[in-house]
Amino acid sequence: MLSARAAQEEAARLHSLASHGGKADFASYVVAPQRSLLQVLGDFPSARPSLGLFFGHVATRLQPRYYSISSSPLAHPQSAHITVAVVDETGPTGRRHLGVASHWLAHCRCARLP
């Protein structure tokens, strides 16, 4: 998707990364350092997909979030309590990673944190 929207030299590199033959290069460039899509976009400044194309490819890859109900209906019959570990870590490239849902929940007005 990005190679179709990039300048020729960058498009060739992106196409190579996405190809079967570029699997090892992709692993060392993206997987091992846990490089985010935004970091990849920063490394390939000519690759500028439309917002529709961008979200059409990204949104379909977000994983579902599962949480545990940690309340008892006997103790709290009018509410449900969930337990969530807030994701806030620094990856190998130095980029701070905040969890999509856990970070939102931690800052939601409905959340009650100890």
N, C-alpha and C. Protein backbone atom coordinates (compact mmCIF):
# COMPACT_ATOMS: atom_id res chain seq x y z
N MET A 1 0.83 -1.19 0.00
CA MET A 1 0.00 0.00 0.00
C MET A 1 0.87 1.24 0.00
N LEU A 2 1.92 1.26 0.83
CA LEU A 2 2.78 2.44 0.89
C LEU A 2 3.63 2.60 -0.36
N SER A 3 4.08 1.50 -0.93
CA SER A 3 4.95 1.60 -2.11
C SER A 3 4.22 2.25 -3.28
N ALA A 4 2.92 2.06 -3.36
CA ALA A 4 2.14 2.66 -4.45
C ALA A 4 2.03 4.17 -4.31
N ARG A 5 2.32 4.70 -3.12
CA ARG A 5 2.20 6.13 -2.85
C ARG A 5 3.54 6.80 -2.57
N ALA A 6 4.64 6.14 -2.95
CA ALA A 6 5.98 6.66 -2.64
C ALA A 6 6.75 7.00 -3.91
N ALA A 7 7.80 7.82 -3.74
CA ALA A 7 8.71 8.12 -4.85
C ALA A 7 9.42 6.83 -5.26
N GLN A 8 9.97 6.82 -6.46
CA GLN A 8 10.49 5.59 -7.06
C GLN A 8 11.49 4.85 -6.17
N GLU A 9 12.50 5.52 -5.63
CA GLU A 9 13.51 4.84 -4.82
C GLU A 9 12.91 4.28 -3.53
N GLU A 10 12.10 5.07 -2.86
CA GLU A 10 11.46 4.60 -1.63
C GLU A 10 10.44 3.51 -1.94
N ALA A 11 9.75 3.63 -3.07
CA ALA A 11 8.77 2.61 -3.45
C ALA A 11 9.45 1.27 -3.67
N ALA A 12 10.63 1.28 -4.26
CA ALA A 12 11.35 0.03 -4.50
C ALA A 12 11.73 -0.62 -3.17
N ARG A 13 12.19 0.17 -2.21
CA ARG A 13 12.57 -0.39 -0.90
C ARG A 13 11.34 -0.92 -0.17
N LEU A 14 10.24 -0.18 -0.18
CA LEU A 14 9.01 -0.63 0.48
C LEU A 14 8.48 -1.90 -0.18
N HIS A 15 8.52 -1.93 -1.50
CA HIS A 15 8.05 -3.12 -2.20
C HIS A 15 8.91 -4.33 -1.84
N SER A 16 10.21 -4.12 -1.75
CA SER A 16 11.12 -5.19 -1.36
C SER A 16 10.81 -5.70 0.05
N LEU A 17 10.58 -4.77 0.98
CA LEU A 17 10.26 -5.16 2.36
C LEU A 17 8.99 -6.00 2.43
N ALA A 18 8.04 -5.71 1.56
CA ALA A 18 6.75 -6.41 1.57
C ALA A 18 6.77 -7.70 0.76
N SER A 19 7.84 -7.95 0.03
CA SER A 19 7.90 -9.13 -0.83
C SER A 19 8.34 -10.37 -0.05
N HIS A 20 8.11 -11.52 -0.65
CA HIS A 20 8.53 -12.78 -0.03
C HIS A 20 10.05 -12.80 0.14
N GLY A 21 10.78 -12.30 -0.84
CA GLY A 21 12.23 -12.27 -0.77
C GLY A 21 12.77 -11.29 0.27
N GLY A 22 11.95 -10.35 0.68
CA GLY A 22 12.38 -9.35 1.67
C GLY A 22 12.00 -9.70 3.09
N LYS A 23 11.60 -10.94 3.31
CA LYS A 23 11.12 -11.37 4.63
C LYS A 23 12.17 -11.14 5.72
N ALA A 24 13.42 -11.51 5.48
CA ALA A 24 14.48 -11.33 6.48
C ALA A 24 14.77 -9.85 6.71
N ASP A 25 14.76 -9.08 5.64
CA ASP A 25 14.99 -7.63 5.76
C ASP A 25 13.86 -6.98 6.56
N PHE A 26 12.61 -7.40 6.29
CA PHE A 26 11.46 -6.90 7.03
C PHE A 26 11.60 -7.22 8.51
N ALA A 27 12.02 -8.45 8.80
CA ALA A 27 12.19 -8.88 10.19
C ALA A 27 13.22 -8.03 10.91
N SER A 28 14.32 -7.72 10.24
CA SER A 28 15.37 -6.92 10.90
C SER A 28 15.03 -5.43 10.95
N TYR A 29 14.26 -4.95 9.98
CA TYR A 29 13.92 -3.53 9.95
C TYR A 29 12.67 -3.20 10.78
N VAL A 30 11.65 -4.07 10.74
CA VAL A 30 10.37 -3.78 11.41
C VAL A 30 10.17 -4.61 12.68
N VAL A 31 10.28 -5.92 12.55
CA VAL A 31 9.90 -6.82 13.64
C VAL A 31 10.86 -6.73 14.83
N ALA A 32 12.15 -6.92 14.60
CA ALA A 32 13.12 -6.95 15.71
C ALA A 32 13.14 -5.64 16.51
N PRO A 33 13.17 -4.48 15.86
CA PRO A 33 13.17 -3.24 16.65
C PRO A 33 11.77 -2.76 17.03
N GLN A 34 10.75 -3.53 16.68
CA GLN A 34 9.35 -3.19 16.96
C GLN A 34 9.01 -1.80 16.41
N ARG A 35 9.42 -1.57 15.17
CA ARG A 35 9.19 -0.27 14.53
C ARG A 35 7.71 -0.10 14.22
N SER A 36 7.15 1.04 14.59
CA SER A 36 5.72 1.30 14.35
C SER A 36 5.50 1.78 12.92
N LEU A 37 4.25 1.75 12.51
CA LEU A 37 3.90 2.26 11.19
C LEU A 37 4.25 3.73 11.07
N LEU A 38 4.07 4.48 12.12
CA LEU A 38 4.41 5.90 12.07
C LEU A 38 5.92 6.10 11.90
N GLN A 39 6.71 5.23 12.51
CA GLN A 39 8.16 5.32 12.31
C GLN A 39 8.54 4.96 10.88
N VAL A 40 7.88 3.97 10.32
CA VAL A 40 8.14 3.61 8.93
C VAL A 40 7.78 4.79 8.03
N LEU A 41 6.64 5.42 8.27
CA LEU A 41 6.25 6.59 7.48
C LEU A 41 7.29 7.70 7.60
N GLY A 42 7.87 7.86 8.78
CA GLY A 42 8.91 8.87 8.97
C GLY A 42 10.17 8.55 8.20
N ASP A 43 10.47 7.27 8.03
CA ASP A 43 11.66 6.84 7.28
C ASP A 43 11.46 6.92 5.77
N PHE A 44 10.21 6.96 5.34
CA PHE A 44 9.88 7.03 3.92
C PHE A 44 8.96 8.24 3.69
N PRO A 45 9.51 9.44 3.74
CA PRO A 45 8.67 10.65 3.71
C PRO A 45 7.86 10.84 2.43
N SER A 46 8.26 10.21 1.34
CA SER A 46 7.46 10.37 0.11
C SER A 46 6.22 9.49 0.11
N ALA A 47 6.16 8.51 0.98
CA ALA A 47 5.00 7.60 1.05
C ALA A 47 3.89 8.29 1.84
N ARG A 48 2.93 8.82 1.11
CA ARG A 48 1.84 9.56 1.74
C ARG A 48 0.50 9.05 1.24
N PRO A 49 -0.02 8.01 1.87
CA PRO A 49 -1.34 7.50 1.45
C PRO A 49 -2.45 8.46 1.88
N SER A 50 -3.58 8.38 1.20
CA SER A 50 -4.74 9.16 1.62
C SER A 50 -5.20 8.64 2.98
N LEU A 51 -5.95 9.45 3.71
CA LEU A 51 -6.46 9.01 5.01
C LEU A 51 -7.35 7.77 4.88
N GLY A 52 -8.17 7.72 3.85
CA GLY A 52 -9.04 6.57 3.64
C GLY A 52 -8.24 5.30 3.41
N LEU A 53 -7.21 5.39 2.58
CA LEU A 53 -6.36 4.24 2.32
C LEU A 53 -5.60 3.83 3.57
N PHE A 54 -5.10 4.81 4.28
CA PHE A 54 -4.34 4.55 5.50
C PHE A 54 -5.20 3.82 6.53
N PHE A 55 -6.34 4.39 6.86
CA PHE A 55 -7.20 3.77 7.87
C PHE A 55 -7.85 2.48 7.38
N GLY A 56 -8.07 2.36 6.09
CA GLY A 56 -8.60 1.13 5.54
C GLY A 56 -7.65 -0.04 5.71
N HIS A 57 -6.36 0.24 5.72
CA HIS A 57 -5.37 -0.81 5.91
C HIS A 57 -4.99 -1.00 7.38
N VAL A 58 -5.04 0.06 8.17
CA VAL A 58 -4.63 -0.03 9.57
C VAL A 58 -5.77 -0.54 10.45
N ALA A 59 -6.94 0.00 10.30
CA ALA A 59 -8.05 -0.33 11.19
C ALA A 59 -8.41 -1.81 11.15
N THR A 60 -8.23 -2.44 10.00
CA THR A 60 -8.57 -3.86 9.90
C THR A 60 -7.58 -4.74 10.64
N ARG A 61 -6.43 -4.19 11.04
CA ARG A 61 -5.41 -4.99 11.70
C ARG A 61 -5.36 -4.80 13.21
N LEU A 62 -6.18 -3.92 13.76
CA LEU A 62 -6.21 -3.76 15.21
C LEU A 62 -6.80 -5.02 15.82
N GLN A 63 -6.13 -5.54 16.83
CA GLN A 63 -6.57 -6.76 17.48
C GLN A 63 -7.66 -6.44 18.51
N PRO A 64 -8.57 -7.38 18.72
CA PRO A 64 -9.59 -7.16 19.76
C PRO A 64 -8.93 -7.10 21.13
N ARG A 65 -9.52 -6.35 22.03
CA ARG A 65 -9.00 -6.25 23.39
C ARG A 65 -9.92 -7.05 24.31
N TYR A 66 -9.32 -7.90 25.14
CA TYR A 66 -10.09 -8.72 26.06
C TYR A 66 -9.80 -8.28 27.49
N TYR A 67 -10.82 -8.19 28.30
CA TYR A 67 -10.66 -7.77 29.69
C TYR A 67 -11.41 -8.73 30.59
N SER A 68 -11.01 -8.75 31.84
CA SER A 68 -11.65 -9.63 32.82
C SER A 68 -12.60 -8.83 33.69
N ILE A 69 -13.78 -9.36 33.88
CA ILE A 69 -14.70 -8.77 34.84
C ILE A 69 -14.20 -9.20 36.21
N SER A 70 -13.93 -8.22 37.07
CA SER A 70 -13.31 -8.56 38.36
C SER A 70 -14.19 -8.15 39.54
N SER A 71 -15.47 -8.01 39.27
CA SER A 71 -16.36 -7.63 40.37
C SER A 71 -17.34 -8.76 40.68
N SER A 72 -17.93 -8.63 41.81
CA SER A 72 -18.93 -9.60 42.22
C SER A 72 -20.30 -8.92 42.18
N PRO A 73 -21.28 -9.54 41.54
CA PRO A 73 -22.61 -8.94 41.53
C PRO A 73 -23.22 -8.91 42.94
N LEU A 74 -22.69 -9.73 43.84
CA LEU A 74 -23.17 -9.68 45.22
C LEU A 74 -22.64 -8.44 45.94
N ALA A 75 -21.39 -8.09 45.68
CA ALA A 75 -20.79 -6.92 46.33
C ALA A 75 -21.20 -5.62 45.66
N HIS A 76 -21.35 -5.64 44.33
CA HIS A 76 -21.69 -4.43 43.57
C HIS A 76 -22.76 -4.77 42.54
N PRO A 77 -24.01 -4.88 42.96
CA PRO A 77 -25.06 -5.33 42.03
C PRO A 77 -25.38 -4.35 40.91
N GLN A 78 -25.02 -3.08 41.05
CA GLN A 78 -25.38 -2.07 40.05
C GLN A 78 -24.23 -1.71 39.10
N SER A 79 -23.07 -2.35 39.26
CA SER A 79 -21.95 -1.99 38.40
C SER A 79 -21.06 -3.19 38.12
N ALA A 80 -20.33 -3.09 37.03
CA ALA A 80 -19.35 -4.11 36.68
C ALA A 80 -17.97 -3.48 36.78
N HIS A 81 -17.04 -4.19 37.34
CA HIS A 81 -15.68 -3.71 37.48
C HIS A 81 -14.78 -4.55 36.57
N ILE A 82 -13.81 -3.89 35.94
CA ILE A 82 -12.86 -4.61 35.11
C ILE A 82 -11.45 -4.35 35.63
N THR A 83 -10.58 -5.29 35.36
CA THR A 83 -9.17 -5.14 35.70
C THR A 83 -8.40 -5.02 34.40
N VAL A 84 -7.63 -3.95 34.28
CA VAL A 84 -6.87 -3.68 33.06
C VAL A 84 -5.46 -3.29 33.45
N ALA A 85 -4.48 -3.90 32.82
CA ALA A 85 -3.09 -3.47 32.99
C ALA A 85 -2.83 -2.40 31.95
N VAL A 86 -2.45 -1.21 32.39
CA VAL A 86 -2.20 -0.10 31.47
C VAL A 86 -0.87 -0.34 30.75
N VAL A 87 -0.91 -0.31 29.43
CA VAL A 87 0.29 -0.51 28.63
C VAL A 87 0.97 0.84 28.42
N ASP A 88 2.19 0.95 28.93
CA ASP A 88 2.99 2.17 28.78
C ASP A 88 4.45 1.72 28.86
N GLU A 89 5.06 1.52 27.71
CA GLU A 89 6.42 1.00 27.68
C GLU A 89 7.23 1.65 26.58
N THR A 90 8.52 1.54 26.67
CA THR A 90 9.43 2.06 25.66
C THR A 90 9.99 0.89 24.87
N GLY A 91 9.87 0.97 23.56
CA GLY A 91 10.34 -0.12 22.69
C GLY A 91 11.82 0.00 22.41
N PRO A 92 12.37 -0.96 21.68
CA PRO A 92 13.80 -0.99 21.37
C PRO A 92 14.30 0.24 20.60
N THR A 93 13.41 0.88 19.83
CA THR A 93 13.83 2.06 19.08
C THR A 93 13.76 3.34 19.92
N GLY A 94 13.30 3.21 21.18
CA GLY A 94 13.17 4.37 22.06
C GLY A 94 11.81 5.02 21.99
N ARG A 95 10.92 4.53 21.17
CA ARG A 95 9.58 5.09 21.03
C ARG A 95 8.71 4.62 22.19
N ARG A 96 7.97 5.55 22.78
CA ARG A 96 7.04 5.22 23.85
C ARG A 96 5.77 4.63 23.25
N HIS A 97 5.37 3.50 23.76
CA HIS A 97 4.17 2.82 23.27
C HIS A 97 3.11 2.86 24.35
N LEU A 98 1.96 3.45 24.02
CA LEU A 98 0.82 3.49 24.92
C LEU A 98 -0.26 2.57 24.37
N GLY A 99 -0.83 1.75 25.21
CA GLY A 99 -1.89 0.85 24.78
C GLY A 99 -3.08 1.63 24.24
N VAL A 100 -3.68 1.12 23.19
CA VAL A 100 -4.81 1.81 22.55
C VAL A 100 -5.98 1.92 23.52
N ALA A 101 -6.44 0.80 24.04
CA ALA A 101 -7.61 0.81 24.91
C ALA A 101 -7.25 1.05 26.37
N SER A 102 -6.17 0.45 26.85
CA SER A 102 -5.84 0.60 28.27
C SER A 102 -5.49 2.04 28.61
N HIS A 103 -4.81 2.72 27.71
CA HIS A 103 -4.46 4.13 27.96
C HIS A 103 -5.72 4.99 27.97
N TRP A 104 -6.63 4.71 27.04
CA TRP A 104 -7.89 5.45 27.01
C TRP A 104 -8.67 5.21 28.30
N LEU A 105 -8.78 3.95 28.71
CA LEU A 105 -9.51 3.63 29.93
C LEU A 105 -8.90 4.30 31.16
N ALA A 106 -7.57 4.36 31.22
CA ALA A 106 -6.89 4.97 32.37
C ALA A 106 -7.20 6.46 32.48
N HIS A 107 -7.53 7.08 31.35
CA HIS A 107 -7.79 8.52 31.39
C HIS A 107 -9.27 8.86 31.17
N CYS A 108 -10.10 7.85 31.15
CA CYS A 108 -11.54 8.03 30.98
C CYS A 108 -12.14 8.53 32.29
N ARG A 109 -13.11 9.40 32.20
CA ARG A 109 -13.76 9.92 33.42
C ARG A 109 -14.50 8.82 34.18
N CYS A 110 -14.84 7.74 33.48
CA CYS A 110 -15.57 6.66 34.13
C CYS A 110 -14.64 5.73 34.91
N ALA A 111 -13.35 5.81 34.64
CA ALA A 111 -12.39 4.92 35.31
C ALA A 111 -12.07 5.42 36.72
N ARG A 112 -11.99 4.51 37.64
CA ARG A 112 -11.60 4.85 39.01
C ARG A 112 -10.35 4.07 39.33
N LEU A 113 -9.26 4.78 39.38
CA LEU A 113 -7.98 4.13 39.66
C LEU A 113 -7.58 4.37 41.11
N PRO A 114 -6.92 3.38 41.72
CA PRO A 114 -6.51 3.56 43.13
C PRO A 114 -5.47 4.66 43.27
